[in-house]
Structure formats: C-alpha cells, structure tokens
Amino acid sequence: MSEISTRIWLEERLWDAVTNLAIREGTTVRELLPRLISRSLTEPYAGSGQPTFHLEESGPSAPGPAAEPGPPVAVLAEVYRCNECGAQIKLAGLSAHLGKHLRERQASEAERS
C-alpha cells in the first residue's frame, strides 16, 4: 500500500488530546492519526449521524440545527498561533504570514553565504 503525505492544522486542545492519547498508547502521533481516521471512516455511525471518536476531547461540533447524514465535517479554527513568532493569525492570512517567515529565513541564509 502506498502512502501519501499531508499536512493538517489542529486546534491546540485537539492536538494536546491526540498527543496524550499517543503517549498513553505508546505510539507516535504520526502512527496514531491514520488509525484514528481509518477507524472513524470504517466504524458504523452512531444514531446521531456523527462518527464516534475515541479522544478525550473532540473539536467543536459542526454548526447547524441537525446533523446531516454523510461524511463527518471538520471544523477549522478561525485563528492559529504561529510557532515561530507566537502571533495569532486568522486563517485568511496564514499563507502570507508563513511566507513572510520563509522570506526572512531565506534572507538570513543569503547574508550568511
């Protein structure tokens, strides 16, 4: 079976819950996430129409009065914290902010050369 790499962004409390679960199971987050995703896609949905999750904390529920049948909806955070400078960035400005750090790193490497 081939593997495809992907990058995901998790809210901090969801990341902490996944990390704690990985520690309790004696595995890495990289090994745990595919198992959790696979399990949520293969397990039958509970009566609520939402998949069951085995984390201590799950992300915020999808907005709306009633859950629609179908695949689960992943709610994205509106604000992210930059690991490099600690700034709070809205989703719309995330790419530009990370690009700024990339340019700064490239400039400092060019100066050292």
PDB file of N, CA and C in Angstrom:
ATOM      1  N   MET A   1       0.849  -1.168   0.000  1.00  0.00           N
ATOM      2  CA  MET A   1       0.000   0.000   0.000  1.00  0.00           C
ATOM      3  C   MET A   1       0.894   1.231   0.000  1.00  0.00           C
ATOM      4  N   SER A   2       0.584   2.183  -0.836  1.00  0.00           N
ATOM      5  CA  SER A   2       1.380   3.407  -0.899  1.00  0.00           C
ATOM      6  C   SER A   2       0.895   4.404   0.141  1.00  0.00           C
ATOM      7  N   GLU A   3       1.750   5.343   0.476  1.00  0.00           N
ATOM      8  CA  GLU A   3       1.408   6.386   1.437  1.00  0.00           C
ATOM      9  C   GLU A   3       1.440   7.732   0.747  1.00  0.00           C
ATOM     10  N   ILE A   4       0.556   8.615   1.168  1.00  0.00           N
ATOM     11  CA  ILE A   4       0.528   9.983   0.675  1.00  0.00           C
ATOM     12  C   ILE A   4       0.696  10.893   1.871  1.00  0.00           C
ATOM     13  N   SER A   5       1.613  11.819   1.776  1.00  0.00           N
ATOM     14  CA  SER A   5       1.861  12.754   2.859  1.00  0.00           C
ATOM     15  C   SER A   5       0.883  13.914   2.782  1.00  0.00           C
ATOM     16  N   THR A   6       0.445  14.367   3.931  1.00  0.00           N
ATOM     17  CA  THR A   6      -0.440  15.526   4.001  1.00  0.00           C
ATOM     18  C   THR A   6      -0.111  16.325   5.246  1.00  0.00           C
ATOM     19  N   ARG A   7      -0.520  17.555   5.263  1.00  0.00           N
ATOM     20  CA  ARG A   7      -0.302  18.417   6.417  1.00  0.00           C
ATOM     21  C   ARG A   7      -1.662  18.873   6.911  1.00  0.00           C
ATOM     22  N   ILE A   8      -1.886  18.767   8.202  1.00  0.00           N
ATOM     23  CA  ILE A   8      -3.155  19.221   8.761  1.00  0.00           C
ATOM     24  C   ILE A   8      -2.875  20.200   9.890  1.00  0.00           C
ATOM     25  N   TRP A   9      -3.830  21.043  10.154  1.00  0.00           N
ATOM     26  CA  TRP A   9      -3.735  22.013  11.240  1.00  0.00           C
ATOM     27  C   TRP A   9      -4.812  21.667  12.249  1.00  0.00           C
ATOM     28  N   LEU A  10      -4.418  21.505  13.509  1.00  0.00           N
ATOM     29  CA  LEU A  10      -5.352  21.166  14.569  1.00  0.00           C
ATOM     30  C   LEU A  10      -5.375  22.273  15.606  1.00  0.00           C
ATOM     31  N   GLU A  11      -6.545  22.465  16.197  1.00  0.00           N
ATOM     32  CA  GLU A  11      -6.611  23.386  17.325  1.00  0.00           C
ATOM     33  C   GLU A  11      -5.721  22.833  18.429  1.00  0.00           C
ATOM     34  N   GLU A  12      -5.210  23.709  19.259  1.00  0.00           N
ATOM     35  CA  GLU A  12      -4.233  23.299  20.263  1.00  0.00           C
ATOM     36  C   GLU A  12      -4.785  22.236  21.211  1.00  0.00           C
ATOM     37  N   ARG A  13      -6.028  22.391  21.653  1.00  0.00           N
ATOM     38  CA  ARG A  13      -6.554  21.401  22.607  1.00  0.00           C
ATOM     39  C   ARG A  13      -6.789  20.052  21.938  1.00  0.00           C
ATOM     40  N   LEU A  14      -7.123  20.036  20.644  1.00  0.00           N
ATOM     41  CA  LEU A  14      -7.256  18.767  19.932  1.00  0.00           C
ATOM     42  C   LEU A  14      -5.881  18.128  19.748  1.00  0.00           C
ATOM     43  N   TRP A  15      -4.877  18.931  19.413  1.00  0.00           N
ATOM     44  CA  TRP A  15      -3.505  18.428  19.298  1.00  0.00           C
ATOM     45  C   TRP A  15      -3.052  17.818  20.618  1.00  0.00           C
ATOM     46  N   ASP A  16      -3.336  18.519  21.734  1.00  0.00           N
ATOM     47  CA  ASP A  16      -2.958  18.003  23.051  1.00  0.00           C
ATOM     48  C   ASP A  16      -3.643  16.667  23.336  1.00  0.00           C
ATOM     49  N   ALA A  17      -4.926  16.549  22.979  1.00  0.00           N
ATOM     50  CA  ALA A  17      -5.661  15.306  23.213  1.00  0.00           C
ATOM     51  C   ALA A  17      -5.066  14.166  22.387  1.00  0.00           C
ATOM     52  N   VAL A  18      -4.724  14.442  21.134  1.00  0.00           N
ATOM     53  CA  VAL A  18      -4.119  13.411  20.272  1.00  0.00           C
ATOM     54  C   VAL A  18      -2.749  13.017  20.822  1.00  0.00           C
ATOM     55  N   THR A  19      -1.955  14.001  21.223  1.00  0.00           N
ATOM     56  CA  THR A  19      -0.631  13.728  21.778  1.00  0.00           C
ATOM     57  C   THR A  19      -0.734  12.877  23.045  1.00  0.00           C
ATOM     58  N   ASN A  20      -1.661  13.238  23.942  1.00  0.00           N
ATOM     59  CA  ASN A  20      -1.836  12.469  25.181  1.00  0.00           C
ATOM     60  C   ASN A  20      -2.273  11.041  24.890  1.00  0.00           C
ATOM     61  N   LEU A  21      -3.165  10.864  23.920  1.00  0.00           N
ATOM     62  CA  LEU A  21      -3.604   9.523  23.546  1.00  0.00           C
ATOM     63  C   LEU A  21      -2.442   8.706  22.981  1.00  0.00           C
ATOM     64  N   ALA A  22      -1.606   9.334  22.147  1.00  0.00           N
ATOM     65  CA  ALA A  22      -0.443   8.643  21.591  1.00  0.00           C
ATOM     66  C   ALA A  22       0.513   8.206  22.702  1.00  0.00           C
ATOM     67  N   ILE A  23       0.719   9.061  23.685  1.00  0.00           N
ATOM     68  CA  ILE A  23       1.601   8.725  24.806  1.00  0.00           C
ATOM     69  C   ILE A  23       1.027   7.549  25.587  1.00  0.00           C
ATOM     70  N   ARG A  24      -0.285   7.596  25.871  1.00  0.00           N
ATOM     71  CA  ARG A  24      -0.926   6.511  26.609  1.00  0.00           C
ATOM     72  C   ARG A  24      -0.844   5.188  25.854  1.00  0.00           C
ATOM     73  N   GLU A  25      -0.926   5.244  24.520  1.00  0.00           N
ATOM     74  CA  GLU A  25      -0.878   4.018  23.720  1.00  0.00           C
ATOM     75  C   GLU A  25       0.549   3.609  23.376  1.00  0.00           C
ATOM     76  N   GLY A  26       1.531   4.422  23.761  1.00  0.00           N
ATOM     77  CA  GLY A  26       2.930   4.090  23.500  1.00  0.00           C
ATOM     78  C   GLY A  26       3.281   4.134  22.018  1.00  0.00           C
ATOM     79  N   THR A  27       2.726   5.105  21.308  1.00  0.00           N
ATOM     80  CA  THR A  27       2.972   5.240  19.875  1.00  0.00           C
ATOM     81  C   THR A  27       3.262   6.697  19.561  1.00  0.00           C
ATOM     82  N   THR A  28       3.445   7.013  18.292  1.00  0.00           N
ATOM     83  CA  THR A  28       3.670   8.395  17.880  1.00  0.00           C
ATOM     84  C   THR A  28       2.384   8.955  17.281  1.00  0.00           C
ATOM     85  N   VAL A  29       2.303  10.272  17.230  1.00  0.00           N
ATOM     86  CA  VAL A  29       1.154  10.929  16.620  1.00  0.00           C
ATOM     87  C   VAL A  29       1.071  10.547  15.146  1.00  0.00           C
ATOM     88  N   ARG A  30       2.218  10.442  14.498  1.00  0.00           N
ATOM     89  CA  ARG A  30       2.249  10.076  13.075  1.00  0.00           C
ATOM     90  C   ARG A  30       1.636   8.697  12.831  1.00  0.00           C
ATOM     91  N   GLU A  31       1.842   7.758  13.749  1.00  0.00           N
ATOM     92  CA  GLU A  31       1.249   6.428  13.612  1.00  0.00           C
ATOM     93  C   GLU A  31      -0.209   6.409  14.071  1.00  0.00           C
ATOM     94  N   LEU A  32      -0.543   7.248  15.043  1.00  0.00           N
ATOM     95  CA  LEU A  32      -1.889   7.251  15.613  1.00  0.00           C
ATOM     96  C   LEU A  32      -2.933   7.887  14.697  1.00  0.00           C
ATOM     97  N   LEU A  33      -2.600   9.013  14.072  1.00  0.00           N
ATOM     98  CA  LEU A  33      -3.595   9.730  13.263  1.00  0.00           C
ATOM     99  C   LEU A  33      -4.186   8.885  12.136  1.00  0.00           C
ATOM    100  N   PRO A  34      -3.387   8.159  11.338  1.00  0.00           N
ATOM    101  CA  PRO A  34      -4.015   7.324  10.307  1.00  0.00           C
ATOM    102  C   PRO A  34      -4.969   6.280  10.892  1.00  0.00           C
ATOM    103  N   ARG A  35      -4.608   5.707  12.061  1.00  0.00           N
ATOM    104  CA  ARG A  35      -5.500   4.729  12.694  1.00  0.00           C
ATOM    105  C   ARG A  35      -6.811   5.371  13.111  1.00  0.00           C
ATOM    106  N   LEU A  36      -6.737   6.574  13.719  1.00  0.00           N
ATOM    107  CA  LEU A  36      -7.958   7.254  14.152  1.00  0.00           C
ATOM    108  C   LEU A  36      -8.846   7.608  12.964  1.00  0.00           C
ATOM    109  N   ILE A  37      -8.235   8.095  11.895  1.00  0.00           N
ATOM    110  CA  ILE A  37      -9.008   8.464  10.706  1.00  0.00           C
ATOM    111  C   ILE A  37      -9.629   7.221  10.085  1.00  0.00           C
ATOM    112  N   SER A  38      -8.848   6.165   9.955  1.00  0.00           N
ATOM    113  CA  SER A  38      -9.362   4.933   9.371  1.00  0.00           C
ATOM    114  C   SER A  38     -10.512   4.378  10.210  1.00  0.00           C
ATOM    115  N   ARG A  39     -10.338   4.393  11.514  1.00  0.00           N
ATOM    116  CA  ARG A  39     -11.380   3.887  12.417  1.00  0.00           C
ATOM    117  C   ARG A  39     -12.654   4.709  12.284  1.00  0.00           C
ATOM    118  N   SER A  40     -12.515   6.034  12.191  1.00  0.00           N
ATOM    119  CA  SER A  40     -13.714   6.878  12.103  1.00  0.00           C
ATOM    120  C   SER A  40     -14.423   6.690  10.771  1.00  0.00           C
ATOM    121  N   LEU A  41     -13.703   6.286   9.722  1.00  0.00           N
ATOM    122  CA  LEU A  41     -14.327   6.073   8.420  1.00  0.00           C
ATOM    123  C   LEU A  41     -14.937   4.684   8.279  1.00  0.00           C
ATOM    124  N   THR A  42     -14.452   3.710   9.063  1.00  0.00           N
ATOM    125  CA  THR A  42     -14.946   2.340   8.915  1.00  0.00           C
ATOM    126  C   THR A  42     -15.975   1.955   9.957  1.00  0.00           C
ATOM    127  N   GLU A  43     -15.970   2.597  11.123  1.00  0.00           N
ATOM    128  CA  GLU A  43     -16.950   2.258  12.153  1.00  0.00           C
ATOM    129  C   GLU A  43     -18.320   2.752  11.737  1.00  0.00           C
ATOM    130  N   PRO A  44     -19.354   1.992  12.072  1.00  0.00           N
ATOM    131  CA  PRO A  44     -20.703   2.476  11.754  1.00  0.00           C
ATOM    132  C   PRO A  44     -21.016   3.725  12.574  1.00  0.00           C
ATOM    133  N   TYR A  45     -21.742   4.635  11.944  1.00  0.00           N
ATOM    134  CA  TYR A  45     -22.106   5.864  12.632  1.00  0.00           C
ATOM    135  C   TYR A  45     -23.058   5.568  13.769  1.00  0.00           C
ATOM    136  N   ALA A  46     -22.932   6.333  14.832  1.00  0.00           N
ATOM    137  CA  ALA A  46     -23.859   6.219  15.952  1.00  0.00           C
ATOM    138  C   ALA A  46     -25.216   6.754  15.511  1.00  0.00           C
ATOM    139  N   GLY A  47     -26.232   6.582  16.315  1.00  0.00           N
ATOM    140  CA  GLY A  47     -27.581   7.019  15.967  1.00  0.00           C
ATOM    141  C   GLY A  47     -27.681   8.502  15.665  1.00  0.00           C
ATOM    142  N   SER A  48     -26.722   9.290  16.124  1.00  0.00           N
ATOM    143  CA  SER A  48     -26.772  10.741  15.909  1.00  0.00           C
ATOM    144  C   SER A  48     -26.375  11.136  14.491  1.00  0.00           C
ATOM    145  N   GLY A  49     -25.865  10.187  13.708  1.00  0.00           N
ATOM    146  CA  GLY A  49     -25.415  10.517  12.362  1.00  0.00           C
ATOM    147  C   GLY A  49     -23.973  10.998  12.334  1.00  0.00           C
ATOM    148  N   GLN A  50     -23.340  11.077  13.478  1.00  0.00           N
ATOM    149  CA  GLN A  50     -21.945  11.507  13.571  1.00  0.00           C
ATOM    150  C   GLN A  50     -21.079  10.308  13.918  1.00  0.00           C
ATOM    151  N   PRO A  51     -19.844  10.250  13.409  1.00  0.00           N
ATOM    152  CA  PRO A  51     -18.967   9.141  13.758  1.00  0.00           C
ATOM    153  C   PRO A  51     -18.571   9.220  15.224  1.00  0.00           C
ATOM    154  N   THR A  52     -18.208   8.083  15.796  1.00  0.00           N
ATOM    155  CA  THR A  52     -17.756   8.084  17.179  1.00  0.00           C
ATOM    156  C   THR A  52     -16.258   8.308  17.201  1.00  0.00           C
ATOM    157  N   PHE A  53     -15.789   9.118  18.141  1.00  0.00           N
ATOM    158  CA  PHE A  53     -14.365   9.387  18.285  1.00  0.00           C
ATOM    159  C   PHE A  53     -13.930   8.921  19.659  1.00  0.00           C
ATOM    160  N   HIS A  54     -12.679   8.510  19.755  1.00  0.00           N
ATOM    161  CA  HIS A  54     -12.175   7.946  20.993  1.00  0.00           C
ATOM    162  C   HIS A  54     -11.161   8.849  21.670  1.00  0.00           C
ATOM    163  N   LEU A  55     -11.259  10.132  21.437  1.00  0.00           N
ATOM    164  CA  LEU A  55     -10.365  11.080  22.095  1.00  0.00           C
ATOM    165  C   LEU A  55     -11.055  11.635  23.328  1.00  0.00           C
ATOM    166  N   GLU A  56     -10.255  12.096  24.287  1.00  0.00           N
ATOM    167  CA  GLU A  56     -10.837  12.712  25.469  1.00  0.00           C
ATOM    168  C   GLU A  56     -11.593  13.985  25.098  1.00  0.00           C
ATOM    169  N   GLU A  57     -10.992  14.754  24.213  1.00  0.00           N
ATOM    170  CA  GLU A  57     -11.607  15.995  23.783  1.00  0.00           C
ATOM    171  C   GLU A  57     -11.732  15.944  22.276  1.00  0.00           C
ATOM    172  N   SER A  58     -12.879  16.293  21.760  1.00  0.00           N
ATOM    173  CA  SER A  58     -13.011  16.393  20.319  1.00  0.00           C
ATOM    174  C   SER A  58     -13.167  17.859  19.972  1.00  0.00           C
ATOM    175  N   GLY A  59     -12.964  18.205  18.728  1.00  0.00           N
ATOM    176  CA  GLY A  59     -13.086  19.587  18.279  1.00  0.00           C
ATOM    177  C   GLY A  59     -14.513  20.063  18.383  1.00  0.00           C
ATOM    178  N   PRO A  60     -14.756  21.329  18.085  1.00  0.00           N
ATOM    179  CA  PRO A  60     -16.106  21.852  18.154  1.00  0.00           C
ATOM    180  C   PRO A  60     -17.005  21.138  17.152  1.00  0.00           C
ATOM    181  N   SER A  61     -18.270  21.008  17.513  1.00  0.00           N
ATOM    182  CA  SER A  61     -19.191  20.320  16.612  1.00  0.00           C
ATOM    183  C   SER A  61     -19.543  21.209  15.438  1.00  0.00           C
ATOM    184  N   ALA A  62     -19.963  20.570  14.367  1.00  0.00           N
ATOM    185  CA  ALA A  62     -20.322  21.308  13.156  1.00  0.00           C
ATOM    186  C   ALA A  62     -21.545  22.174  13.431  1.00  0.00           C
ATOM    187  N   PRO A  63     -21.576  23.389  12.867  1.00  0.00           N
ATOM    188  CA  PRO A  63     -22.713  24.256  13.098  1.00  0.00           C
ATOM    189  C   PRO A  63     -23.948  23.733  12.376  1.00  0.00           C
ATOM    190  N   GLY A  64     -25.094  24.119  12.864  1.00  0.00           N
ATOM    191  CA  GLY A  64     -26.332  23.720  12.197  1.00  0.00           C
ATOM    192  C   GLY A  64     -27.280  23.089  13.188  1.00  0.00           C
ATOM    193  N   PRO A  65     -28.564  23.139  12.902  1.00  0.00           N
ATOM    194  CA  PRO A  65     -29.544  22.633  13.846  1.00  0.00           C
ATOM    195  C   PRO A  65     -29.530  21.111  13.969  1.00  0.00           C
ATOM    196  N   ALA A  66     -29.289  20.392  12.897  1.00  0.00           N
ATOM    197  CA  ALA A  66     -29.292  18.934  12.944  1.00  0.00           C
ATOM    198  C   ALA A  66     -28.167  18.413  12.068  1.00  0.00           C
ATOM    199  N   ALA A  67     -27.601  17.301  12.487  1.00  0.00           N
ATOM    200  CA  ALA A  67     -26.513  16.705  11.718  1.00  0.00           C
ATOM    201  C   ALA A  67     -27.078  16.039  10.470  1.00  0.00           C
ATOM    202  N   GLU A  68     -26.467  16.305   9.349  1.00  0.00           N
ATOM    203  CA  GLU A  68     -26.859  15.693   8.083  1.00  0.00           C
ATOM    204  C   GLU A  68     -26.158  14.337   7.979  1.00  0.00           C
ATOM    205  N   PRO A  69     -26.793  13.340   7.399  1.00  0.00           N
ATOM    206  CA  PRO A  69     -26.089  12.082   7.203  1.00  0.00           C
ATOM    207  C   PRO A  69     -24.988  12.258   6.166  1.00  0.00           C
ATOM    208  N   GLY A  70     -23.940  11.517   6.295  1.00  0.00           N
ATOM    209  CA  GLY A  70     -22.832  11.615   5.353  1.00  0.00           C
ATOM    210  C   GLY A  70     -21.512  11.665   6.074  1.00  0.00           C
ATOM    211  N   PRO A  71     -20.462  12.034   5.372  1.00  0.00           N
ATOM    212  CA  PRO A  71     -19.137  12.057   5.996  1.00  0.00           C
ATOM    213  C   PRO A  71     -19.059  13.133   7.069  1.00  0.00           C
ATOM    214  N   PRO A  72     -18.159  12.949   8.024  1.00  0.00           N
ATOM    215  CA  PRO A  72     -18.010  13.949   9.091  1.00  0.00           C
ATOM    216  C   PRO A  72     -17.501  15.270   8.544  1.00  0.00           C
ATOM    217  N   VAL A  73     -17.864  16.345   9.223  1.00  0.00           N
ATOM    218  CA  VAL A  73     -17.434  17.690   8.841  1.00  0.00           C
ATOM    219  C   VAL A  73     -16.334  18.116   9.795  1.00  0.00           C
ATOM    220  N   ALA A  74     -15.193  18.517   9.258  1.00  0.00           N
ATOM    221  CA  ALA A  74     -14.089  19.005  10.076  1.00  0.00           C
ATOM    222  C   ALA A  74     -14.189  20.514  10.177  1.00  0.00           C
ATOM    223  N   VAL A  75     -14.296  21.011  11.393  1.00  0.00           N
ATOM    224  CA  VAL A  75     -14.386  22.447  11.612  1.00  0.00           C
ATOM    225  C   VAL A  75     -12.972  22.991  11.779  1.00  0.00           C
ATOM    226  N   LEU A  76     -12.632  23.990  10.993  1.00  0.00           N
ATOM    227  CA  LEU A  76     -11.308  24.596  11.067  1.00  0.00           C
ATOM    228  C   LEU A  76     -11.312  25.718  12.085  1.00  0.00           C
ATOM    229  N   ALA A  77     -10.175  25.936  12.696  1.00  0.00           N
ATOM    230  CA  ALA A  77     -10.042  27.049  13.630  1.00  0.00           C
ATOM    231  C   ALA A  77     -10.037  28.360  12.863  1.00  0.00           C
ATOM    232  N   GLU A  78     -10.555  29.398  13.471  1.00  0.00           N
ATOM    233  CA  GLU A  78     -10.553  30.707  12.823  1.00  0.00           C
ATOM    234  C   GLU A  78      -9.222  31.414  13.021  1.00  0.00           C
ATOM    235  N   VAL A  79      -8.532  31.099  14.100  1.00  0.00           N
ATOM    236  CA  VAL A  79      -7.268  31.760  14.423  1.00  0.00           C
ATOM    237  C   VAL A  79      -6.235  30.692  14.773  1.00  0.00           C
ATOM    238  N   TYR A  80      -5.024  30.857  14.249  1.00  0.00           N
ATOM    239  CA  TYR A  80      -3.931  29.942  14.510  1.00  0.00           C
ATOM    240  C   TYR A  80      -2.789  30.698  15.181  1.00  0.00           C
ATOM    241  N   ARG A  81      -1.998  29.993  15.979  1.00  0.00           N
ATOM    242  CA  ARG A  81      -0.840  30.603  16.612  1.00  0.00           C
ATOM    243  C   ARG A  81       0.402  30.170  15.850  1.00  0.00           C
ATOM    244  N   CYS A  82       1.210  31.145  15.442  1.00  0.00           N
ATOM    245  CA  CYS A  82       2.451  30.874  14.720  1.00  0.00           C
ATOM    246  C   CYS A  82       3.470  30.291  15.697  1.00  0.00           C
ATOM    247  N   ASN A  83       4.048  29.145  15.354  1.00  0.00           N
ATOM    248  CA  ASN A  83       5.058  28.524  16.218  1.00  0.00           C
ATOM    249  C   ASN A  83       6.370  29.293  16.216  1.00  0.00           C
ATOM    250  N   GLU A  84       6.578  30.090  15.200  1.00  0.00           N
ATOM    251  CA  GLU A  84       7.845  30.798  15.083  1.00  0.00           C
ATOM    252  C   GLU A  84       7.861  32.104  15.889  1.00  0.00           C
ATOM    253  N   CYS A  85       6.786  32.890  15.791  1.00  0.00           N
ATOM    254  CA  CYS A  85       6.776  34.189  16.469  1.00  0.00           C
ATOM    255  C   CYS A  85       5.677  34.315  17.521  1.00  0.00           C
ATOM    256  N   GLY A  86       4.766  33.351  17.591  1.00  0.00           N
ATOM    257  CA  GLY A  86       3.717  33.373  18.595  1.00  0.00           C
ATOM    258  C   GLY A  86       2.521  34.243  18.254  1.00  0.00           C
ATOM    259  N   ALA A  87       2.508  34.850  17.075  1.00  0.00           N
ATOM    260  CA  ALA A  87       1.405  35.728  16.689  1.00  0.00           C
ATOM    261  C   ALA A  87       0.136  34.919  16.428  1.00  0.00           C
ATOM    262  N   GLN A  88      -1.005  35.541  16.675  1.00  0.00           N
ATOM    263  CA  GLN A  88      -2.301  34.940  16.368  1.00  0.00           C
ATOM    264  C   GLN A  88      -2.683  35.384  14.959  1.00  0.00           C
ATOM    265  N   ILE A  89      -2.918  34.419  14.053  1.00  0.00           N
ATOM    266  CA  ILE A  89      -3.194  34.741  12.654  1.00  0.00           C
ATOM    267  C   ILE A  89      -4.519  34.129  12.240  1.00  0.00           C
ATOM    268  N   LYS A  90      -5.344  34.929  11.550  1.00  0.00           N
ATOM    269  CA  LYS A  90      -6.591  34.397  11.011  1.00  0.00           C
ATOM    270  C   LYS A  90      -6.276  33.490   9.832  1.00  0.00           C
ATOM    271  N   LEU A  91      -7.160  32.553   9.568  1.00  0.00           N
ATOM    272  CA  LEU A  91      -6.960  31.575   8.511  1.00  0.00           C
ATOM    273  C   LEU A  91      -6.658  32.242   7.172  1.00  0.00           C
ATOM    274  N   ALA A  92      -7.358  33.332   6.857  1.00  0.00           N
ATOM    275  CA  ALA A  92      -7.168  34.002   5.563  1.00  0.00           C
ATOM    276  C   ALA A  92      -5.750  34.553   5.404  1.00  0.00           C
ATOM    277  N   GLY A  93      -5.078  34.906   6.482  1.00  0.00           N
ATOM    278  CA  GLY A  93      -3.748  35.493   6.397  1.00  0.00           C
ATOM    279  C   GLY A  93      -2.622  34.524   6.709  1.00  0.00           C
ATOM    280  N   LEU A  94      -2.959  33.266   6.915  1.00  0.00           N
ATOM    281  CA  LEU A  94      -1.968  32.284   7.335  1.00  0.00           C
ATOM    282  C   LEU A  94      -0.869  32.083   6.290  1.00  0.00           C
ATOM    283  N   SER A  95      -1.236  31.932   5.037  1.00  0.00           N
ATOM    284  CA  SER A  95      -0.261  31.706   3.981  1.00  0.00           C
ATOM    285  C   SER A  95       0.706  32.882   3.858  1.00  0.00           C
ATOM    286  N   ALA A  96       0.175  34.096   3.889  1.00  0.00           N
ATOM    287  CA  ALA A  96       1.022  35.286   3.775  1.00  0.00           C
ATOM    288  C   ALA A  96       1.981  35.385   4.961  1.00  0.00           C
ATOM    289  N   HIS A  97       1.488  35.065   6.163  1.00  0.00           N
ATOM    290  CA  HIS A  97       2.322  35.146   7.355  1.00  0.00           C
ATOM    291  C   HIS A  97       3.468  34.128   7.286  1.00  0.00           C
ATOM    292  N   LEU A  98       3.142  32.891   6.902  1.00  0.00           N
ATOM    293  CA  LEU A  98       4.183  31.874   6.793  1.00  0.00           C
ATOM    294  C   LEU A  98       5.166  32.201   5.677  1.00  0.00           C
ATOM    295  N   GLY A  99       4.678  32.819   4.603  1.00  0.00           N
ATOM    296  CA  GLY A  99       5.554  33.260   3.522  1.00  0.00           C
ATOM    297  C   GLY A  99       6.535  34.314   3.997  1.00  0.00           C
ATOM    298  N   LYS A 100       6.078  35.181   4.896  1.00  0.00           N
ATOM    299  CA  LYS A 100       6.952  36.214   5.459  1.00  0.00           C
ATOM    300  C   LYS A 100       8.113  35.573   6.207  1.00  0.00           C
ATOM    301  N   HIS A 101       7.818  34.564   7.031  1.00  0.00           N
ATOM    302  CA  HIS A 101       8.880  33.878   7.768  1.00  0.00           C
ATOM    303  C   HIS A 101       9.835  33.160   6.813  1.00  0.00           C
ATOM    304  N   LEU A 102       9.306  32.571   5.755  1.00  0.00           N
ATOM    305  CA  LEU A 102      10.147  31.897   4.775  1.00  0.00           C
ATOM    306  C   LEU A 102      11.111  32.886   4.119  1.00  0.00           C
ATOM    307  N   ARG A 103      10.600  34.056   3.736  1.00  0.00           N
ATOM    308  CA  ARG A 103      11.459  35.082   3.121  1.00  0.00           C
ATOM    309  C   ARG A 103      12.519  35.569   4.110  1.00  0.00           C
ATOM    310  N   GLU A 104      12.134  35.724   5.385  1.00  0.00           N
ATOM    311  CA  GLU A 104      13.103  36.152   6.398  1.00  0.00           C
ATOM    312  C   GLU A 104      14.219  35.126   6.545  1.00  0.00           C
ATOM    313  N   ARG A 105      13.865  33.832   6.576  1.00  0.00           N
ATOM    314  CA  ARG A 105      14.871  32.787   6.675  1.00  0.00           C
ATOM    315  C   ARG A 105      15.784  32.766   5.459  1.00  0.00           C
ATOM    316  N   GLN A 106      15.196  32.911   4.282  1.00  0.00           N
ATOM    317  CA  GLN A 106      15.987  32.915   3.053  1.00  0.00           C
ATOM    318  C   GLN A 106      16.941  34.093   3.023  1.00  0.00           C
ATOM    319  N   ALA A 107      16.470  35.262   3.492  1.00  0.00           N
ATOM    320  CA  ALA A 107      17.334  36.459   3.517  1.00  0.00           C
ATOM    321  C   ALA A 107      18.494  36.274   4.485  1.00  0.00           C
ATOM    322  N   SER A 108      18.222  35.691   5.665  1.00  0.00           N
ATOM    323  CA  SER A 108      19.301  35.495   6.640  1.00  0.00           C
ATOM    324  C   SER A 108      20.302  34.452   6.148  1.00  0.00           C
ATOM    325  N   GLU A 109      19.829  33.425   5.422  1.00  0.00           N
ATOM    326  CA  GLU A 109      20.744  32.443   4.854  1.00  0.00           C
ATOM    327  C   GLU A 109      21.592  33.055   3.746  1.00  0.00           C
ATOM    328  N   ALA A 110      20.993  33.943   2.971  1.00  0.00           N
ATOM    329  CA  ALA A 110      21.733  34.617   1.884  1.00  0.00           C
ATOM    330  C   ALA A 110      22.815  35.522   2.464  1.00  0.00           C
ATOM    331  N   GLU A 111      22.525  36.191   3.595  1.00  0.00           N
ATOM    332  CA  GLU A 111      23.507  37.053   4.233  1.00  0.00           C
ATOM    333  C   GLU A 111      24.689  36.256   4.759  1.00  0.00           C
ATOM    334  N   ARG A 112      24.415  35.052   5.275  1.00  0.00           N
ATOM    335  CA  ARG A 112      25.479  34.212   5.803  1.00  0.00           C
ATOM    336  C   ARG A 112      26.369  33.656   4.700  1.00  0.00           C
ATOM    337  N   SER A 113      25.843  33.559   3.495  1.00  0.00           N
ATOM    338  CA  SER A 113      26.622  32.966   2.379  1.00  0.00           C
ATOM    339  C   SER A 113      27.636  33.926   1.828  1.00  0.00           C
TER     340      SER A 113
END
